[in-house]
Amino acid sequence: MTDVNTKIKDLIASDDVVLFMKGSKSFPMCGFSATVVKILQELNIGFTDIDILKDEDLREGIKVYSDWPTIPQLYVKGEFIGGCDIVKDCFATGELKEILAA
């Protein structure tokens, strides 16, 4: 698991905004991932998308790493923000815009 943790840390550090998702930003493979992509695009935020469907170790590893059982998972500047519901709530209140601007 340490190799997966190292890979996850490196991926999270690779960009200010990283989304672990099913599919890609151009072709989301689930509605929850599509919702988070749409929110980030609406805010005009560039982000790195990581398709967890391509790597089973990464798919399971990110859930352990974040202690969060579902995908998608959004990270901003190395900090775990949450999954789809939390991102939607933060977007609705304006908090997500503040987090991304900080």
Protein backbone atom coordinates (compact mmCIF):
# COMPACT_ATOMS: atom_id res chain seq x y z
CA MET A 1 0.00 0.00 0.00
CA THR A 2 2.90 2.38 0.53
CA ASP A 3 3.64 2.46 -3.20
CA VAL A 4 0.03 3.43 -3.85
CA ASN A 5 0.17 6.07 -1.11
CA THR A 6 3.32 7.53 -2.65
CA LYS A 7 1.65 7.57 -6.07
CA ILE A 8 -1.44 9.28 -4.61
CA LYS A 9 0.66 11.90 -2.80
CA ASP A 10 2.56 12.59 -6.03
CA LEU A 11 -0.67 12.91 -8.02
CA ILE A 12 -2.20 15.27 -5.47
CA ALA A 13 0.97 17.39 -5.48
CA SER A 14 1.04 17.52 -9.29
CA ASP A 15 -1.53 20.33 -9.53
CA ASP A 16 -3.41 22.76 -7.29
CA VAL A 17 -6.73 21.10 -8.17
CA VAL A 18 -6.90 17.32 -8.62
CA LEU A 19 -10.05 15.29 -9.17
CA PHE A 20 -10.00 11.53 -8.74
CA MET A 21 -12.96 10.43 -10.82
CA LYS A 22 -14.53 7.72 -12.93
CA GLY A 23 -13.57 8.53 -16.50
CA SER A 24 -12.05 11.81 -17.63
CA LYS A 25 -13.12 15.43 -17.64
CA SER A 26 -13.93 15.10 -21.34
CA PHE A 27 -15.80 11.80 -20.82
CA PRO A 28 -17.03 11.25 -17.24
CA MET A 29 -18.16 7.67 -16.62
CA CYS A 30 -20.64 8.40 -13.82
CA GLY A 31 -23.09 11.14 -12.97
CA PHE A 32 -21.34 12.11 -9.74
CA SER A 33 -18.02 12.63 -11.53
CA ALA A 34 -19.82 14.56 -14.29
CA THR A 35 -21.42 16.84 -11.70
CA VAL A 36 -18.08 17.78 -10.11
CA VAL A 37 -16.50 18.33 -13.55
CA LYS A 38 -19.40 20.61 -14.50
CA ILE A 39 -19.00 22.64 -11.29
CA LEU A 40 -15.26 23.09 -11.81
CA GLN A 41 -15.81 24.06 -15.44
CA GLU A 42 -18.53 26.53 -14.45
CA LEU A 43 -16.04 28.15 -12.07
CA ASN A 44 -13.51 28.16 -14.94
CA ILE A 45 -11.01 26.16 -12.87
CA GLY A 46 -8.31 24.15 -14.56
CA PHE A 47 -7.74 20.78 -12.93
CA THR A 48 -6.01 17.46 -13.32
CA ASP A 49 -8.36 14.53 -13.76
CA ILE A 50 -7.28 11.09 -12.59
CA ASP A 51 -9.31 8.18 -13.98
CA ILE A 52 -9.46 5.61 -11.18
CA LEU A 53 -11.10 3.07 -13.49
CA LYS A 54 -7.75 2.49 -15.18
CA ASP A 55 -5.97 1.36 -12.00
CA GLU A 56 -7.65 -0.90 -9.43
CA ASP A 57 -4.91 -0.31 -6.84
CA LEU A 58 -5.38 3.44 -7.17
CA ARG A 59 -9.17 3.06 -7.07
CA GLU A 60 -9.05 1.27 -3.72
CA GLY A 61 -6.00 3.14 -2.45
CA ILE A 62 -7.53 6.61 -2.74
CA LYS A 63 -10.47 5.49 -0.58
CA VAL A 64 -8.08 4.37 2.15
CA TYR A 65 -5.83 7.42 1.75
CA SER A 66 -8.69 9.89 2.20
CA ASP A 67 -10.76 7.67 4.53
CA TRP A 68 -13.63 8.45 2.15
CA PRO A 69 -15.54 5.54 0.58
CA THR A 70 -16.74 7.06 -2.68
CA ILE A 71 -15.51 8.56 -5.92
CA PRO A 72 -15.16 11.34 -7.09
CA GLN A 73 -12.76 12.96 -4.64
CA LEU A 74 -11.61 16.55 -5.01
CA TYR A 75 -8.30 17.86 -3.66
CA VAL A 76 -7.33 21.54 -3.63
CA LYS A 77 -3.73 22.46 -2.85
CA GLY A 78 -3.19 19.04 -1.29
CA GLU A 79 -6.26 19.21 0.93
CA PHE A 80 -9.15 16.78 0.57
CA ILE A 81 -12.35 18.76 -0.02
CA GLY A 82 -14.83 15.91 -0.40
CA GLY A 83 -17.03 14.00 -2.79
CA CYS A 84 -19.85 15.08 -5.05
CA ASP A 85 -22.37 16.07 -2.35
CA ILE A 86 -19.86 18.15 -0.41
CA VAL A 87 -18.58 19.82 -3.57
CA LYS A 88 -22.17 20.63 -4.60
CA ASP A 89 -22.94 22.09 -1.17
CA CYS A 90 -19.72 24.13 -1.11
CA PHE A 91 -20.48 25.39 -4.61
CA ALA A 92 -24.03 26.39 -3.65
CA THR A 93 -22.85 28.39 -0.63
CA GLY A 94 -19.93 30.02 -2.45
CA GLU A 95 -17.42 28.30 -0.18
CA LEU A 96 -15.87 26.32 -3.05
CA LYS A 97 -15.12 29.52 -4.97
CA GLU A 98 -13.40 30.90 -1.86
CA ILE A 99 -11.36 27.71 -1.36
CA LEU A 100 -10.24 27.74 -4.99
CA ALA A 101 -9.37 31.45 -4.87
CA ALA A 102 -7.28 31.14 -1.70
